[in-house]
Amino acid sequence: MTTRRQRFIDEMEVRGLSRHTKEFYVGFVSRLSRHYRRAPDKLSEDELKAYLLHLLREKKNGRGTLSIGQRAAV
């Protein structure tokens, strides 16, 4: 596990997020990173918005998923 990922998990733990929420957030960031083939901290805000639109329009994800994804990527 990378140091960056561990810090992300530690931060969620400090905030008291549930195991399920932490797993979703880590999975979302991982898929985002794979989509662009770059580390998430190297992505622009425009790329994040484009990915969220991709999930909404092409993958037919619900708005709730997108809202959670936005919080995970911040």
PDB file of N, CA and C in Angstrom:
ATOM      1  N   MET A   1       0.846  -1.176   0.000  1.00  0.00           N
ATOM      2  CA  MET A   1       0.000   0.000   0.000  1.00  0.00           C
ATOM      3  C   MET A   1       0.889   1.236   0.000  1.00  0.00           C
ATOM      4  N   THR A   2       0.522   2.198  -0.804  1.00  0.00           N
ATOM      5  CA  THR A   2       1.316   3.418  -0.880  1.00  0.00           C
ATOM      6  C   THR A   2       1.080   4.283   0.360  1.00  0.00           C
ATOM      7  N   THR A   3       2.035   5.143   0.624  1.00  0.00           N
ATOM      8  CA  THR A   3       1.920   6.070   1.749  1.00  0.00           C
ATOM      9  C   THR A   3       0.718   6.988   1.558  1.00  0.00           C
ATOM     10  N   ARG A   4       0.511   7.437   0.343  1.00  0.00           N
ATOM     11  CA  ARG A   4      -0.612   8.339   0.026  1.00  0.00           C
ATOM     12  C   ARG A   4      -1.946   7.667   0.336  1.00  0.00           C
ATOM     13  N   ARG A   5      -2.074   6.403  -0.081  1.00  0.00           N
ATOM     14  CA  ARG A   5      -3.323   5.676   0.164  1.00  0.00           C
ATOM     15  C   ARG A   5      -3.531   5.481   1.668  1.00  0.00           C
ATOM     16  N   GLN A   6      -2.465   5.157   2.382  1.00  0.00           N
ATOM     17  CA  GLN A   6      -2.591   4.960   3.821  1.00  0.00           C
ATOM     18  C   GLN A   6      -3.001   6.246   4.527  1.00  0.00           C
ATOM     19  N   ARG A   7      -2.457   7.376   4.099  1.00  0.00           N
ATOM     20  CA  ARG A   7      -2.862   8.667   4.690  1.00  0.00           C
ATOM     21  C   ARG A   7      -4.338   8.934   4.427  1.00  0.00           C
ATOM     22  N   PHE A   8      -4.791   8.610   3.240  1.00  0.00           N
ATOM     23  CA  PHE A   8      -6.196   8.774   2.869  1.00  0.00           C
ATOM     24  C   PHE A   8      -7.088   7.930   3.790  1.00  0.00           C
ATOM     25  N   ILE A   9      -6.714   6.678   3.976  1.00  0.00           N
ATOM     26  CA  ILE A   9      -7.473   5.775   4.849  1.00  0.00           C
ATOM     27  C   ILE A   9      -7.437   6.267   6.289  1.00  0.00           C
ATOM     28  N   ASP A  10      -6.267   6.698   6.750  1.00  0.00           N
ATOM     29  CA  ASP A  10      -6.145   7.214   8.117  1.00  0.00           C
ATOM     30  C   ASP A  10      -7.044   8.429   8.327  1.00  0.00           C
ATOM     31  N   GLU A  11      -7.086   9.315   7.352  1.00  0.00           N
ATOM     32  CA  GLU A  11      -7.925  10.510   7.453  1.00  0.00           C
ATOM     33  C   GLU A  11      -9.398  10.127   7.564  1.00  0.00           C
ATOM     34  N   MET A  12      -9.827   9.149   6.785  1.00  0.00           N
ATOM     35  CA  MET A  12     -11.221   8.710   6.847  1.00  0.00           C
ATOM     36  C   MET A  12     -11.526   8.071   8.196  1.00  0.00           C
ATOM     37  N   GLU A  13     -10.561   7.334   8.719  1.00  0.00           N
ATOM     38  CA  GLU A  13     -10.742   6.703  10.022  1.00  0.00           C
ATOM     39  C   GLU A  13     -10.901   7.754  11.120  1.00  0.00           C
ATOM     40  N   VAL A  14     -10.064   8.793  11.070  1.00  0.00           N
ATOM     41  CA  VAL A  14     -10.151   9.876  12.047  1.00  0.00           C
ATOM     42  C   VAL A  14     -11.525  10.549  11.977  1.00  0.00           C
ATOM     43  N   ARG A  15     -12.068  10.649  10.782  1.00  0.00           N
ATOM     44  CA  ARG A  15     -13.392  11.283  10.598  1.00  0.00           C
ATOM     45  C   ARG A  15     -14.540  10.364  11.016  1.00  0.00           C
ATOM     46  N   GLY A  16     -14.211   9.114  11.313  1.00  0.00           N
ATOM     47  CA  GLY A  16     -15.232   8.182  11.788  1.00  0.00           C
ATOM     48  C   GLY A  16     -16.104   7.579  10.711  1.00  0.00           C
ATOM     49  N   LEU A  17     -15.602   7.508   9.483  1.00  0.00           N
ATOM     50  CA  LEU A  17     -16.388   6.931   8.395  1.00  0.00           C
ATOM     51  C   LEU A  17     -16.515   5.420   8.579  1.00  0.00           C
ATOM     52  N   SER A  18     -17.601   4.880   8.124  1.00  0.00           N
ATOM     53  CA  SER A  18     -17.831   3.433   8.240  1.00  0.00           C
ATOM     54  C   SER A  18     -16.890   2.665   7.318  1.00  0.00           C
ATOM     55  N   ARG A  19     -16.719   1.396   7.609  1.00  0.00           N
ATOM     56  CA  ARG A  19     -15.873   0.525   6.788  1.00  0.00           C
ATOM     57  C   ARG A  19     -16.365   0.528   5.347  1.00  0.00           C
ATOM     58  N   HIS A  20     -17.688   0.439   5.177  1.00  0.00           N
ATOM     59  CA  HIS A  20     -18.261   0.415   3.829  1.00  0.00           C
ATOM     60  C   HIS A  20     -17.951   1.715   3.076  1.00  0.00           C
ATOM     61  N   THR A  21     -18.091   2.841   3.739  1.00  0.00           N
ATOM     62  CA  THR A  21     -17.818   4.135   3.109  1.00  0.00           C
ATOM     63  C   THR A  21     -16.346   4.234   2.732  1.00  0.00           C
ATOM     64  N   LYS A  22     -15.468   3.816   3.631  1.00  0.00           N
ATOM     65  CA  LYS A  22     -14.028   3.855   3.331  1.00  0.00           C
ATOM     66  C   LYS A  22     -13.703   2.976   2.132  1.00  0.00           C
ATOM     67  N   GLU A  23     -14.293   1.792   2.070  1.00  0.00           N
ATOM     68  CA  GLU A  23     -14.048   0.901   0.932  1.00  0.00           C
ATOM     69  C   GLU A  23     -14.537   1.529  -0.369  1.00  0.00           C
ATOM     70  N   PHE A  24     -15.708   2.170  -0.322  1.00  0.00           N
ATOM     71  CA  PHE A  24     -16.236   2.825  -1.523  1.00  0.00           C
ATOM     72  C   PHE A  24     -15.303   3.942  -1.975  1.00  0.00           C
ATOM     73  N   TYR A  25     -14.876   4.789  -1.040  1.00  0.00           N
ATOM     74  CA  TYR A  25     -14.008   5.911  -1.380  1.00  0.00           C
ATOM     75  C   TYR A  25     -12.685   5.432  -1.981  1.00  0.00           C
ATOM     76  N   VAL A  26     -12.064   4.448  -1.358  1.00  0.00           N
ATOM     77  CA  VAL A  26     -10.794   3.929  -1.867  1.00  0.00           C
ATOM     78  C   VAL A  26     -10.999   3.330  -3.263  1.00  0.00           C
ATOM     79  N   GLY A  27     -12.084   2.604  -3.439  1.00  0.00           N
ATOM     80  CA  GLY A  27     -12.389   2.020  -4.750  1.00  0.00           C
ATOM     81  C   GLY A  27     -12.629   3.083  -5.805  1.00  0.00           C
ATOM     82  N   PHE A  28     -13.358   4.143  -5.442  1.00  0.00           N
ATOM     83  CA  PHE A  28     -13.634   5.221  -6.382  1.00  0.00           C
ATOM     84  C   PHE A  28     -12.330   5.869  -6.846  1.00  0.00           C
ATOM     85  N   VAL A  29     -11.475   6.210  -5.892  1.00  0.00           N
ATOM     86  CA  VAL A  29     -10.209   6.873  -6.233  1.00  0.00           C
ATOM     87  C   VAL A  29      -9.332   5.941  -7.068  1.00  0.00           C
ATOM     88  N   SER A  30      -9.359   4.661  -6.750  1.00  0.00           N
ATOM     89  CA  SER A  30      -8.586   3.684  -7.524  1.00  0.00           C
ATOM     90  C   SER A  30      -9.083   3.611  -8.969  1.00  0.00           C
ATOM     91  N   ARG A  31     -10.397   3.560  -9.153  1.00  0.00           N
ATOM     92  CA  ARG A  31     -10.955   3.518 -10.521  1.00  0.00           C
ATOM     93  C   ARG A  31     -10.661   4.807 -11.277  1.00  0.00           C
ATOM     94  N   LEU A  32     -10.751   5.935 -10.592  1.00  0.00           N
ATOM     95  CA  LEU A  32     -10.421   7.222 -11.207  1.00  0.00           C
ATOM     96  C   LEU A  32      -8.968   7.223 -11.693  1.00  0.00           C
ATOM     97  N   SER A  33      -8.083   6.763 -10.856  1.00  0.00           N
ATOM     98  CA  SER A  33      -6.662   6.713 -11.199  1.00  0.00           C
ATOM     99  C   SER A  33      -6.407   5.773 -12.384  1.00  0.00           C
ATOM    100  N   ARG A  34      -7.056   4.621 -12.380  1.00  0.00           N
ATOM    101  CA  ARG A  34      -6.893   3.673 -13.495  1.00  0.00           C
ATOM    102  C   ARG A  34      -7.449   4.250 -14.791  1.00  0.00           C
ATOM    103  N   HIS A  35      -8.555   4.970 -14.690  1.00  0.00           N
ATOM    104  CA  HIS A  35      -9.184   5.562 -15.879  1.00  0.00           C
ATOM    105  C   HIS A  35      -8.198   6.493 -16.598  1.00  0.00           C
ATOM    106  N   TYR A  36      -7.479   7.298 -15.823  1.00  0.00           N
ATOM    107  CA  TYR A  36      -6.540   8.263 -16.412  1.00  0.00           C
ATOM    108  C   TYR A  36      -5.098   7.762 -16.441  1.00  0.00           C
ATOM    109  N   ARG A  37      -4.862   6.593 -15.830  1.00  0.00           N
ATOM    110  CA  ARG A  37      -3.515   5.999 -15.774  1.00  0.00           C
ATOM    111  C   ARG A  37      -2.492   6.956 -15.148  1.00  0.00           C
ATOM    112  N   ARG A  38      -2.962   7.664 -14.114  1.00  0.00           N
ATOM    113  CA  ARG A  38      -2.099   8.583 -13.359  1.00  0.00           C
ATOM    114  C   ARG A  38      -2.537   8.593 -11.905  1.00  0.00           C
ATOM    115  N   ALA A  39      -1.641   9.001 -11.054  1.00  0.00           N
ATOM    116  CA  ALA A  39      -1.981   9.141  -9.639  1.00  0.00           C
ATOM    117  C   ALA A  39      -3.081  10.186  -9.486  1.00  0.00           C
ATOM    118  N   PRO A  40      -3.995   9.979  -8.559  1.00  0.00           N
ATOM    119  CA  PRO A  40      -5.116  10.904  -8.413  1.00  0.00           C
ATOM    120  C   PRO A  40      -4.699  12.335  -8.096  1.00  0.00           C
ATOM    121  N   ASP A  41      -3.590  12.514  -7.398  1.00  0.00           N
ATOM    122  CA  ASP A  41      -3.162  13.884  -7.071  1.00  0.00           C
ATOM    123  C   ASP A  41      -2.548  14.601  -8.267  1.00  0.00           C
ATOM    124  N   LYS A  42      -2.403  13.907  -9.380  1.00  0.00           N
ATOM    125  CA  LYS A  42      -1.881  14.511 -10.609  1.00  0.00           C
ATOM    126  C   LYS A  42      -3.002  14.896 -11.575  1.00  0.00           C
ATOM    127  N   LEU A  43      -4.249  14.692 -11.170  1.00  0.00           N
ATOM    128  CA  LEU A  43      -5.385  14.984 -12.033  1.00  0.00           C
ATOM    129  C   LEU A  43      -5.924  16.385 -11.759  1.00  0.00           C
ATOM    130  N   SER A  44      -6.442  16.995 -12.784  1.00  0.00           N
ATOM    131  CA  SER A  44      -7.013  18.335 -12.640  1.00  0.00           C
ATOM    132  C   SER A  44      -8.488  18.238 -12.229  1.00  0.00           C
ATOM    133  N   GLU A  45      -9.025  19.360 -11.817  1.00  0.00           N
ATOM    134  CA  GLU A  45     -10.440  19.424 -11.475  1.00  0.00           C
ATOM    135  C   GLU A  45     -11.289  19.145 -12.715  1.00  0.00           C
ATOM    136  N   ASP A  46     -10.848  19.615 -13.872  1.00  0.00           N
ATOM    137  CA  ASP A  46     -11.579  19.353 -15.120  1.00  0.00           C
ATOM    138  C   ASP A  46     -11.609  17.861 -15.442  1.00  0.00           C
ATOM    139  N   GLU A  47     -10.505  17.163 -15.184  1.00  0.00           N
ATOM    140  CA  GLU A  47     -10.482  15.717 -15.426  1.00  0.00           C
ATOM    141  C   GLU A  47     -11.438  14.999 -14.474  1.00  0.00           C
ATOM    142  N   LEU A  48     -11.487  15.433 -13.231  1.00  0.00           N
ATOM    143  CA  LEU A  48     -12.421  14.839 -12.281  1.00  0.00           C
ATOM    144  C   LEU A  48     -13.860  15.051 -12.757  1.00  0.00           C
ATOM    145  N   LYS A  49     -14.185  16.262 -13.199  1.00  0.00           N
ATOM    146  CA  LYS A  49     -15.531  16.539 -13.689  1.00  0.00           C
ATOM    147  C   LYS A  49     -15.851  15.691 -14.918  1.00  0.00           C
ATOM    148  N   ALA A  50     -14.889  15.539 -15.804  1.00  0.00           N
ATOM    149  CA  ALA A  50     -15.099  14.718 -16.997  1.00  0.00           C
ATOM    150  C   ALA A  50     -15.349  13.262 -16.610  1.00  0.00           C
ATOM    151  N   TYR A  51     -14.637  12.771 -15.610  1.00  0.00           N
ATOM    152  CA  TYR A  51     -14.825  11.393 -15.152  1.00  0.00           C
ATOM    153  C   TYR A  51     -16.219  11.228 -14.540  1.00  0.00           C
ATOM    154  N   LEU A  52     -16.639  12.196 -13.749  1.00  0.00           N
ATOM    155  CA  LEU A  52     -17.975  12.125 -13.150  1.00  0.00           C
ATOM    156  C   LEU A  52     -19.057  12.147 -14.225  1.00  0.00           C
ATOM    157  N   LEU A  53     -18.879  12.969 -15.253  1.00  0.00           N
ATOM    158  CA  LEU A  53     -19.835  12.976 -16.367  1.00  0.00           C
ATOM    159  C   LEU A  53     -19.822  11.645 -17.109  1.00  0.00           C
ATOM    160  N   HIS A  54     -18.654  11.049 -17.267  1.00  0.00           N
ATOM    161  CA  HIS A  54     -18.522   9.727 -17.888  1.00  0.00           C
ATOM    162  C   HIS A  54     -19.337   8.701 -17.093  1.00  0.00           C
ATOM    163  N   LEU A  55     -19.213   8.740 -15.764  1.00  0.00           N
ATOM    164  CA  LEU A  55     -19.967   7.807 -14.923  1.00  0.00           C
ATOM    165  C   LEU A  55     -21.473   8.040 -15.061  1.00  0.00           C
ATOM    166  N   LEU A  56     -21.869   9.279 -15.126  1.00  0.00           N
ATOM    167  CA  LEU A  56     -23.283   9.624 -15.221  1.00  0.00           C
ATOM    168  C   LEU A  56     -23.861   9.260 -16.583  1.00  0.00           C
ATOM    169  N   ARG A  57     -23.189   9.656 -17.638  1.00  0.00           N
ATOM    170  CA  ARG A  57     -23.734   9.500 -18.986  1.00  0.00           C
ATOM    171  C   ARG A  57     -23.507   8.117 -19.591  1.00  0.00           C
ATOM    172  N   GLU A  58     -22.308   7.592 -19.437  1.00  0.00           N
ATOM    173  CA  GLU A  58     -21.975   6.338 -20.104  1.00  0.00           C
ATOM    174  C   GLU A  58     -22.169   5.118 -19.219  1.00  0.00           C
ATOM    175  N   LYS A  59     -21.859   5.250 -17.960  1.00  0.00           N
ATOM    176  CA  LYS A  59     -21.980   4.116 -17.038  1.00  0.00           C
ATOM    177  C   LYS A  59     -23.325   4.088 -16.331  1.00  0.00           C
ATOM    178  N   LYS A  60     -24.100   5.171 -16.511  1.00  0.00           N
ATOM    179  CA  LYS A  60     -25.456   5.272 -15.957  1.00  0.00           C
ATOM    180  C   LYS A  60     -25.468   5.186 -14.431  1.00  0.00           C
ATOM    181  N   ASN A  61     -24.420   5.703 -13.782  1.00  0.00           N
ATOM    182  CA  ASN A  61     -24.404   5.770 -12.318  1.00  0.00           C
ATOM    183  C   ASN A  61     -25.383   6.835 -11.865  1.00  0.00           C
ATOM    184  N   GLY A  62     -25.939   6.637 -10.683  1.00  0.00           N
ATOM    185  CA  GLY A  62     -26.871   7.607 -10.123  1.00  0.00           C
ATOM    186  C   GLY A  62     -26.155   8.829  -9.574  1.00  0.00           C
ATOM    187  N   ARG A  63     -26.896   9.866  -9.371  1.00  0.00           N
ATOM    188  CA  ARG A  63     -26.330  11.117  -8.836  1.00  0.00           C
ATOM    189  C   ARG A  63     -25.782  10.927  -7.432  1.00  0.00           C
ATOM    190  N   GLY A  64     -26.367  10.042  -6.653  1.00  0.00           N
ATOM    191  CA  GLY A  64     -25.870   9.767  -5.311  1.00  0.00           C
ATOM    192  C   GLY A  64     -24.444   9.236  -5.346  1.00  0.00           C
ATOM    193  N   THR A  65     -24.181   8.341  -6.287  1.00  0.00           N
ATOM    194  CA  THR A  65     -22.838   7.797  -6.457  1.00  0.00           C
ATOM    195  C   THR A  65     -21.870   8.903  -6.843  1.00  0.00           C
ATOM    196  N   LEU A  66     -22.302   9.807  -7.712  1.00  0.00           N
ATOM    197  CA  LEU A  66     -21.438  10.896  -8.141  1.00  0.00           C
ATOM    198  C   LEU A  66     -21.142  11.835  -6.982  1.00  0.00           C
ATOM    199  N   SER A  67     -22.134  12.087  -6.167  1.00  0.00           N
ATOM    200  CA  SER A  67     -21.944  12.964  -5.008  1.00  0.00           C
ATOM    201  C   SER A  67     -20.920  12.366  -4.054  1.00  0.00           C
ATOM    202  N   ILE A  68     -21.039  11.079  -3.803  1.00  0.00           N
ATOM    203  CA  ILE A  68     -20.085  10.401  -2.931  1.00  0.00           C
ATOM    204  C   ILE A  68     -18.700  10.413  -3.574  1.00  0.00           C
ATOM    205  N   GLY A  69     -18.652  10.192  -4.876  1.00  0.00           N
ATOM    206  CA  GLY A  69     -17.379  10.208  -5.591  1.00  0.00           C
ATOM    207  C   GLY A  69     -16.697  11.552  -5.512  1.00  0.00           C
ATOM    208  N   GLN A  70     -17.456  12.628  -5.580  1.00  0.00           N
ATOM    209  CA  GLN A  70     -16.878  13.957  -5.477  1.00  0.00           C
ATOM    210  C   GLN A  70     -16.228  14.147  -4.107  1.00  0.00           C
ATOM    211  N   ARG A  71     -16.906  13.682  -3.062  1.00  0.00           N
ATOM    212  CA  ARG A  71     -16.334  13.812  -1.712  1.00  0.00           C
ATOM    213  C   ARG A  71     -15.082  12.953  -1.579  1.00  0.00           C
ATOM    214  N   ALA A  72     -15.069  11.793  -2.203  1.00  0.00           N
ATOM    215  CA  ALA A  72     -13.900  10.914  -2.101  1.00  0.00           C
ATOM    216  C   ALA A  72     -12.699  11.520  -2.785  1.00  0.00           C
ATOM    217  N   ALA A  73     -12.928  12.229  -3.858  1.00  0.00           N
ATOM    218  CA  ALA A  73     -11.819  12.756  -4.655  1.00  0.00           C
ATOM    219  C   ALA A  73     -11.282  14.079  -4.133  1.00  0.00           C
ATOM    220  N   VAL A  74     -11.946  14.664  -3.187  1.00  0.00           N
ATOM    221  CA  VAL A  74     -11.494  15.963  -2.662  1.00  0.00           C
ATOM    222  C   VAL A  74     -10.333  15.795  -1.711  1.00  0.00           C
TER     223      VAL A  74
END
